[in-house]
Amino acid sequence: MMKSIGNCDGVRHGECILIGNLTLDQLRVLVTIADTGSFSAAGRQLGRVQSAIS
């Protein structure tokens, strides 16, 4: 089940965040992408190819 945070009526970019059933690994990948600023850099840091995390 998806839960939402923020104003999801008339959604504009960045206003509504959907939270689903993320695994710990998926969350780790997401945080690494945010920290490094790119999928390629996150892949290198996590020891995976870019296509495996995008």
C-alpha atoms as a PDB file:
ATOM      1  CA  MET A   1       0.000   0.000   0.000  1.00  0.00           C
ATOM      2  CA  MET A   2       1.335   3.428  -0.948  1.00  0.00           C
ATOM      3  CA  LYS A   3       1.266   6.238   1.564  1.00  0.00           C
ATOM      4  CA  SER A   4       1.699   9.841   0.568  1.00  0.00           C
ATOM      5  CA  ILE A   5       3.275  12.815   2.243  1.00  0.00           C
ATOM      6  CA  GLY A   6       2.454  16.363   1.256  1.00  0.00           C
ATOM      7  CA  ASN A   7      -0.250  17.831  -0.924  1.00  0.00           C
ATOM      8  CA  CYS A   8      -1.131  15.184  -3.512  1.00  0.00           C
ATOM      9  CA  ASP A   9      -4.195  16.998  -4.884  1.00  0.00           C
ATOM     10  CA  GLY A  10      -3.238  18.615  -8.184  1.00  0.00           C
ATOM     11  CA  VAL A  11       0.257  17.211  -7.883  1.00  0.00           C
ATOM     12  CA  ARG A  12       3.165  19.404  -8.948  1.00  0.00           C
ATOM     13  CA  HIS A  13       6.747  18.200  -9.102  1.00  0.00           C
ATOM     14  CA  GLY A  14       8.215  17.869  -5.612  1.00  0.00           C
ATOM     15  CA  GLU A  15       4.973  18.385  -3.700  1.00  0.00           C
ATOM     16  CA  CYS A  16       3.967  14.783  -3.224  1.00  0.00           C
ATOM     17  CA  ILE A  17       6.266  11.989  -2.083  1.00  0.00           C
ATOM     18  CA  LEU A  18       5.049   8.410  -2.442  1.00  0.00           C
ATOM     19  CA  ILE A  19       6.394   5.873   0.009  1.00  0.00           C
ATOM     20  CA  GLY A  20       5.967   2.207  -0.830  1.00  0.00           C
ATOM     21  CA  ASN A  21       7.455  -1.017   0.389  1.00  0.00           C
ATOM     22  CA  LEU A  22      11.156  -0.337  -0.191  1.00  0.00           C
ATOM     23  CA  THR A  23      13.692  -2.941   0.779  1.00  0.00           C
ATOM     24  CA  LEU A  24      16.719  -1.879   2.777  1.00  0.00           C
ATOM     25  CA  ASP A  25      18.856  -2.438  -0.321  1.00  0.00           C
ATOM     26  CA  GLN A  26      16.610  -0.206  -2.475  1.00  0.00           C
ATOM     27  CA  LEU A  27      16.723   2.508   0.177  1.00  0.00           C
ATOM     28  CA  ARG A  28      20.518   2.235   0.348  1.00  0.00           C
ATOM     29  CA  VAL A  29      20.719   2.629  -3.446  1.00  0.00           C
ATOM     30  CA  LEU A  30      18.384   5.647  -3.372  1.00  0.00           C
ATOM     31  CA  VAL A  31      20.397   7.369  -0.641  1.00  0.00           C
ATOM     32  CA  THR A  32      23.661   6.649  -2.472  1.00  0.00           C
ATOM     33  CA  ILE A  33      22.285   8.153  -5.690  1.00  0.00           C
ATOM     34  CA  ALA A  34      21.258  11.271  -3.769  1.00  0.00           C
ATOM     35  CA  ASP A  35      24.621  11.500  -1.990  1.00  0.00           C
ATOM     36  CA  THR A  36      26.743  11.019  -5.099  1.00  0.00           C
ATOM     37  CA  GLY A  37      24.536  12.965  -7.492  1.00  0.00           C
ATOM     38  CA  SER A  38      24.515  10.353 -10.255  1.00  0.00           C
ATOM     39  CA  PHE A  39      23.566   6.784 -11.029  1.00  0.00           C
ATOM     40  CA  SER A  40      27.042   6.036 -12.390  1.00  0.00           C
ATOM     41  CA  ALA A  41      28.822   7.313  -9.274  1.00  0.00           C
ATOM     42  CA  ALA A  42      26.384   5.436  -7.045  1.00  0.00           C
ATOM     43  CA  GLY A  43      27.028   2.259  -9.019  1.00  0.00           C
ATOM     44  CA  ARG A  44      30.780   2.632  -8.588  1.00  0.00           C
ATOM     45  CA  GLN A  45      30.407   3.263  -4.843  1.00  0.00           C
ATOM     46  CA  LEU A  46      28.086   0.275  -4.399  1.00  0.00           C
ATOM     47  CA  GLY A  47      30.161  -2.006  -6.637  1.00  0.00           C
ATOM     48  CA  ARG A  48      27.403  -2.392  -9.238  1.00  0.00           C
ATOM     49  CA  VAL A  49      26.957  -1.414 -12.854  1.00  0.00           C
ATOM     50  CA  GLN A  50      24.880   1.703 -13.491  1.00  0.00           C
ATOM     51  CA  SER A  51      22.121  -0.241 -15.236  1.00  0.00           C
ATOM     52  CA  ALA A  52      21.597  -2.403 -12.150  1.00  0.00           C
ATOM     53  CA  ILE A  53      20.588   0.575 -10.040  1.00  0.00           C
ATOM     54  CA  SER A  54      18.731   2.755 -12.526  1.00  0.00           C
END
